[in-house]
C-alpha atoms as a PDB file:
ATOM      1  CA  MET A   1     -17.513   6.935   6.792  1.00  0.00           C
ATOM      2  CA  MET A   2     -17.902  10.719   8.108  1.00  0.00           C
ATOM      3  CA  ARG A   3     -17.022  13.456   6.811  1.00  0.00           C
ATOM      4  CA  THR A   4     -15.086  14.715  10.609  1.00  0.00           C
ATOM      5  CA  MET A   5     -13.189  11.092  10.956  1.00  0.00           C
ATOM      6  CA  TYR A   6     -11.369  11.844   7.228  1.00  0.00           C
ATOM      7  CA  GLY A   7     -11.449  15.835   6.517  1.00  0.00           C
ATOM      8  CA  PRO A   8     -13.466  17.849   4.224  1.00  0.00           C
ATOM      9  CA  PRO A   9     -14.157  16.203   1.220  1.00  0.00           C
ATOM     10  CA  GLY A  10     -10.977  16.032  -1.369  1.00  0.00           C
ATOM     11  CA  VAL A  11      -8.688  16.287   1.200  1.00  0.00           C
ATOM     12  CA  SER A  12      -6.209  13.660  -0.660  1.00  0.00           C
ATOM     13  CA  ASP A  13      -6.537  10.915  -2.830  1.00  0.00           C
ATOM     14  CA  ALA A  14      -6.281   8.162  -0.802  1.00  0.00           C
ATOM     15  CA  SER A  15     -10.136   9.863   0.892  1.00  0.00           C
ATOM     16  CA  LYS A  16     -11.178  10.656  -2.454  1.00  0.00           C
ATOM     17  CA  ALA A  17     -10.524   7.224  -3.230  1.00  0.00           C
ATOM     18  CA  ILE A  18     -12.503   5.521  -0.290  1.00  0.00           C
ATOM     19  CA  VAL A  19     -15.474   8.087  -0.923  1.00  0.00           C
ATOM     20  CA  GLY A  20     -15.555   6.581  -4.345  1.00  0.00           C
ATOM     21  CA  ALA A  21     -15.689   2.790  -2.728  1.00  0.00           C
ATOM     22  CA  VAL A  22     -17.905   3.419  -0.471  1.00  0.00           C
ATOM     23  CA  PRO A  23     -21.406   2.679  -2.046  1.00  0.00           C
ATOM     24  CA  MET A  24     -23.281   5.546  -1.096  1.00  0.00           C
ATOM     25  CA  LYS A  25     -20.498   7.704  -3.657  1.00  0.00           C
ATOM     26  CA  ARG A  26     -20.815  10.351  -0.262  1.00  0.00           C
ATOM     27  CA  TYR A  27     -19.597  11.059   3.250  1.00  0.00           C
ATOM     28  CA  GLY A  28     -22.014  10.376   5.958  1.00  0.00           C
ATOM     29  CA  GLU A  29     -23.530  13.888   7.969  1.00  0.00           C
ATOM     30  CA  ALA A  30     -23.647  14.145  11.648  1.00  0.00           C
ATOM     31  CA  GLU A  31     -27.877  14.369  10.456  1.00  0.00           C
ATOM     32  CA  GLU A  32     -27.592  10.901   9.497  1.00  0.00           C
ATOM     33  CA  VAL A  33     -26.336   9.736  12.339  1.00  0.00           C
ATOM     34  CA  ALA A  34     -28.760  11.434  15.304  1.00  0.00           C
ATOM     35  CA  LYS A  35     -32.030  10.460  12.995  1.00  0.00           C
ATOM     36  CA  VAL A  36     -30.586   6.672  13.380  1.00  0.00           C
ATOM     37  CA  VAL A  37     -30.501   7.284  17.459  1.00  0.00           C
ATOM     38  CA  LEU A  38     -33.512   9.474  17.460  1.00  0.00           C
ATOM     39  CA  PHE A  39     -34.800   6.442  16.521  1.00  0.00           C
ATOM     40  CA  LEU A  40     -33.675   3.617  18.867  1.00  0.00           C
ATOM     41  CA  LEU A  41     -34.093   6.319  22.162  1.00  0.00           C
ATOM     42  CA  GLY A  42     -38.054   7.118  20.828  1.00  0.00           C
ATOM     43  CA  ALA A  43     -41.784   4.946  21.025  1.00  0.00           C
ATOM     44  CA  GLU A  44     -40.636   3.714  17.306  1.00  0.00           C
ATOM     45  CA  SER A  45     -38.273   1.377  18.307  1.00  0.00           C
ATOM     46  CA  SER A  46     -40.046   0.214  21.522  1.00  0.00           C
ATOM     47  CA  TYR A  47     -39.994  -3.328  20.179  1.00  0.00           C
ATOM     48  CA  CYS A  48     -36.318  -3.490  19.294  1.00  0.00           C
ATOM     49  CA  THR A  49     -33.879  -5.089  21.516  1.00  0.00           C
ATOM     50  CA  GLY A  50     -30.551  -6.237  21.322  1.00  0.00           C
ATOM     51  CA  SER A  51     -30.293  -5.077  17.748  1.00  0.00           C
ATOM     52  CA  VAL A  52     -26.608  -3.221  16.074  1.00  0.00           C
ATOM     53  CA  VAL A  53     -27.135  -0.759  13.471  1.00  0.00           C
ATOM     54  CA  VAL A  54     -24.726   0.098  11.302  1.00  0.00           C
ATOM     55  CA  VAL A  55     -24.878   3.796   9.795  1.00  0.00           C
ATOM     56  CA  ASP A  56     -21.896   3.278   7.529  1.00  0.00           C
ATOM     57  CA  GLY A  57     -23.314   3.636   4.173  1.00  0.00           C
ATOM     58  CA  GLY A  58     -22.942   0.241   3.125  1.00  0.00           C
ATOM     59  CA  MET A  59     -19.220  -0.229   3.950  1.00  0.00           C
ATOM     60  CA  THR A  60     -19.797  -3.225   5.886  1.00  0.00           C
ATOM     61  CA  ALA A  61     -22.205  -5.149   3.552  1.00  0.00           C
ATOM     62  CA  CYS A  62     -19.351  -4.721   0.960  1.00  0.00           C
ATOM     63  CA  CYS A  63     -15.836  -4.168   2.151  1.00  0.00           C
ATOM     64  CA  THR A  64     -13.331  -6.442   3.816  1.00  0.00           C
ATOM     65  CA  VAL A  65     -10.917  -5.735   6.348  1.00  0.00           C
ATOM     66  CA  THR A  66      -6.985  -7.280   5.368  1.00  0.00           C
ATOM     67  CA  LYS A  67      -5.710  -8.793   8.546  1.00  0.00           C
ATOM     68  CA  GLN A  68      -2.911  -5.284   8.556  1.00  0.00           C
ATOM     69  CA  GLY A  69      -5.908  -2.673   9.064  1.00  0.00           C
ATOM     70  CA  ALA A  70      -6.643  -2.210   5.467  1.00  0.00           C
ATOM     71  CA  PHE A  71      -9.956  -2.687   4.070  1.00  0.00           C
ATOM     72  CA  VAL A  72     -10.391  -3.691  -0.104  1.00  0.00           C
ATOM     73  CA  SER A  73     -13.622  -2.918  -1.682  1.00  0.00           C
ATOM     74  CA  PRO A  74     -14.801  -4.537  -4.269  1.00  0.00           C
ATOM     75  CA  ILE A  75     -15.404  -1.129  -6.346  1.00  0.00           C
ATOM     76  CA  ASN A  76     -11.844  -0.466  -5.575  1.00  0.00           C
ATOM     77  CA  SER A  77      -9.944  -4.640  -5.309  1.00  0.00           C
ATOM     78  CA  ASN A  78      -6.947  -3.828  -7.333  1.00  0.00           C
ATOM     79  CA  LYS A  79      -6.524  -1.042  -4.502  1.00  0.00           C
ATOM     80  CA  GLU A  80      -6.005  -1.202  -0.202  1.00  0.00           C
ATOM     81  CA  PHE A  81      -6.889   1.735   1.831  1.00  0.00           C
ATOM     82  CA  HIS A  82      -5.609   1.886   5.536  1.00  0.00           C
ATOM     83  CA  SER A  83      -6.389   4.880   7.981  1.00  0.00           C
ATOM     84  CA  GLN A  84      -2.813   6.409   8.051  1.00  0.00           C
ATOM     85  CA  ASP A  85      -2.562   7.281   3.706  1.00  0.00           C
ATOM     86  CA  MET A  86      -5.207  10.270   4.713  1.00  0.00           C
END
């Protein structure tokens, strides 16, 4: 969940709720993604092949996406969130 995807924190109630559902409880920063990219480009990752590195604050590990494209978090399991709500 990147800050630039959904605007600054607190823009809407849906945006606040989604950030609340992220296990890290905050928006991701571009610098955090850049650090992963730099690692993958550097010598430290020379033995990494065919990998997928997810930088999403834990959303992939904990959330489920419905057929309608909404996602449900066990943290806020009573509410679905849709991208058009933000």
